[in-house]
Amino acid sequence: MDKAKKSTQKNKKITLPVLPLRGLCVFPYMVLHFDVGRPKSIAALEQAMVGDQQIFLVAQRDSKKDDPSAKDLYSFGTVSKVKQLLKLPGGNIRVLVEGGYRGKLLKVHEEENYLLGEIRQYPNVEPEITPHLEALTRSAKDIFDEYLQIISKNPHEIVTSVMNLENPGEIADLIAANVFVNLKDKMKILEETDIEKRVENLIVIMHREMEIVRLEREISDKVKEQIDKNQREYYLREQVKIIQKELGDKDGIAAEIKEYRKKIAKSKMPKEVAEKLLADVDRLSTLPVNAGDSAVLKTYLDTVLSLPWDKTTKDDYNLERAKKVLDNDHYGLEKVKERILEFLAVRQLTKDVKGPILCLVGPPGVGKTSIAESIARALRKKYARLSLGGVRDEAEIRGHRKTYIGAMPGRIINAVRQAKSKNAMILLDEIDKMSNDFRGDPASAMLEVLDSAQNNAFVDHYIEVPFDLSDIMFITTANSLESIPRPLLDRMEVISLSSYTEYEKAQIAMQYIIPKQRKIHGLRASQLKFSENAVYDIINYYTKEAGVRNLERQIATICRKAARKIVEDNIKRVIIEPSNLYIYLGKRIYNYGEINATDEVGVVTGLAWTQFGGDTLQIEVNIMEGKGNVVLTGKLGDVMKESAMAAISYIRSISDGLKINPDFHEKKDIHIHVPDGATPKDGPSAGIAMATALISALTDCPVKKDVAMTGEITLRGRVLPIGGLKEKILAAYRAGIKTVVYPTDNEKDLDDIPKEVIDSLKLITTKSMDKVIEVALCPKVKAERFMLNGFVDNISEGTGIRQ
């Protein structure tokens, strides 16, 4: 609100619905939740939502009175705006309000079902900063900082918020809202309209609170000293307790009961939880020493008391440090790191622990689990990992009821116990590997865990009391999104980690894996060296994966063999080169596709995506005399077979332009084969490659050996976009291909491909088969066969060459 508007509003009267508050005082600039259950209060909220969402929040003098009148209310309150309403079970409403400015209640009118008040406005103003007011403000800031340093209940981020403010009135309101004082003291601050006097009153109250805090600290220190002095007596008492337990003496149980009560009092757990545990302690005191229920109850109490009800760690949202940690631990993954830094920046600005559930999705070995560990280190959070692979029982998540033999808490509560912090980071690994059976669906149980609107009162079947998970930072990992139920996926923000390129794998090996494995195997850098070409050969001929796990195994094998050679042969240095790689790893295991030696008829190089990255795909076509049979071999899926049939129909529709006998489909048998027949293949992206191979075989025109292609074909010869372009182009680059033809609509995907790869290839985009035929078929034969007909003279609109 600007100053002009404030001046016009000053001391004006307005009429608003009145909402009495019990034991609660709302200040200007304050945003908070509270629950409303009284009918008049609910009606006042509804009336406010009908208008401009403004409501007058005022504290009542006696919090026990259910139906307060005007004399039961304080005169000063806060004109606030209702930001959000949420209906709760039982008819209550959870409301989110934002404090606006002070107001004085002049009159209260009893409407039929709510209170309507006439209010004098006291808008927020920015006073003239006099030397005296400046000194008071600085003093208030200093004492507030000192107060928070010795009180661990408040988050220290509040200090930063206060120090950055300049308006003394706003500073006083913010401090008063966050200092643990009684309602009368808070009302004393709220009722003071003079800002200078308001700050003076705040300093007086804060000094009194500081004295109380110091006295509490002194008492605590004295108690600690007394405990140290009585340490010997403590051990003796423990010995007596054990003897009493062996003898079945009830005094031993009495000591345990006393200890449980003491732990409950110190745990700072919610009141309703403490009441539940105290009832169980009372029941324990009535049970015989050797009763089976006695052991069950003790185990239950020990489990619940071991939870971190009030234990938290201070988060570190330093972006520079987080970036350094992520860069030191992982090479590449720029998009993932950028998203994580954005996430941390938002946390730093909002101070809100709640946020999106990050889901890292990618093939095995690309670093999903390790990057989650790096996030925990960057934030200085306690960390726990929970593997969900193979979990099929809902009780694994929610726990078993303690009435069952061998009952235990679920994995979520156990992870919180392991982390020993209420605001820890928990990694839910392999969330896509959960399944379900007659024992329930664990994915459905995870819905509440990963929903920030529900997990503030998560109830495990074993502990039977609500535990707040809203401060926990959850990160999930998955290899595929297909097996994750849609409602569960909707609660997560997906960050995709694609497979590493050949260059990225080489950099990871040289910067991370090789130094790590040398250290593990007791080798110095001077004793074992890898040439860069040797690393590339390990990647290309001894591993076939999206990540780097198998690459690390192969390097570990070389380190072991090199260590033996150094010891047995008494040599000082081993250098790994491509020429001697077979000595350490044996014969080559894999052979990535390479270009044909010559231009061939009916043989086209396609590009395929696999879970290990991209690969080249040789598509062969034979035309034989027959009766129009079409044979498809190579373990092809249904989609790939349909693409072949679409290619044949397209060729039949343009047979005149290609100078092909129109009835070839009746007098010729067509055999389409994709080698490596043991490997399943599917997808529409080989459509244009199969069409080109068919045209080449039918016209006896060779296909250029250094051209590869990918794209889906339609019956009209249009070329549609495909997926995995990055991996496919990298496979072409690795195989020595010079020209790649791909759909025009996929041109946007080039941004993800390394520049050195793009610069070394001739990339041609197309929207129709006309351009594919022109680029792929050999020019001499193509000219003799097609130029007179004019079939390929015209380049379809939207095609182009990127070189």
Foldseek 3Di string as FASTA:
>chain_A
DDPVVQVVQAQDKDKAFEAEDAQDADAAQDKDKDKDDQQQNVVRQVVLVVDVQKYWYWYFQHNPDRDDDPVRTAFKGFTKGWDDWDADPPGMIMTIIHTFFMWGFDDWDDDPRYIMTIITTLGDDADDDDPLLVVLLVLLLVLLLVVCVLDVPDFNVLSVVLVPDDRLLVSLRSSLNPDPDGPVLSVVLRVDSPSSVSSVSSSVVSVVVVVVSVVVVVVVVVVVVVCVVCVVVVVVVVVVLVVCLVVQHLVSLVVVLVVLLVLLVPLPADPVLSVVLNVLSVVLSPDRSPDPVNVLSVVLSVLVSLFNRPFADQWDLPLVLLLVLLVLQADDPVVVNVVLNVVSVVCSVPVDLFDAAEEEEAFPAAQPVVVLVSSCVSGVFQEFEDEQAPAAALCLAQWDASVDPPTDWHPVSVRSSVSSHLQHEYEYEAPLRYHYDPNDGNLVVCLQVLALVRQCFRHRNHNRGGHGNNNYHYYYYHHDPPSRDPSSVVRHDYDYDYFDFLVSLLCCCVSPLLVVLCVVLVHDCQAEEEDSQLLSCCPAFVDQARHCPVVSVLSNQQSVVSVVCCVPVVDRHDYDDPVCSCVRVNDGDDDAAAFDPFFAALWAWEKDADNRFIGIWIKGKAKAFDAQAEAEAQQEDPQCVVLLVLLVLLCLVCVVLQVFDNCSNGGIYMYMYIPPSVDYYYDQFCNLVSSLSVSRNRNVFTWGRQEYETFGAGSNFFTHADPRPQRRLSNSLVNNRAEYEGALVCPVVCVVHDPVSLVRHKYKHAGGSLVVNVRTTDPPSCCVRRVVSVSNVDGDPSIDIRD
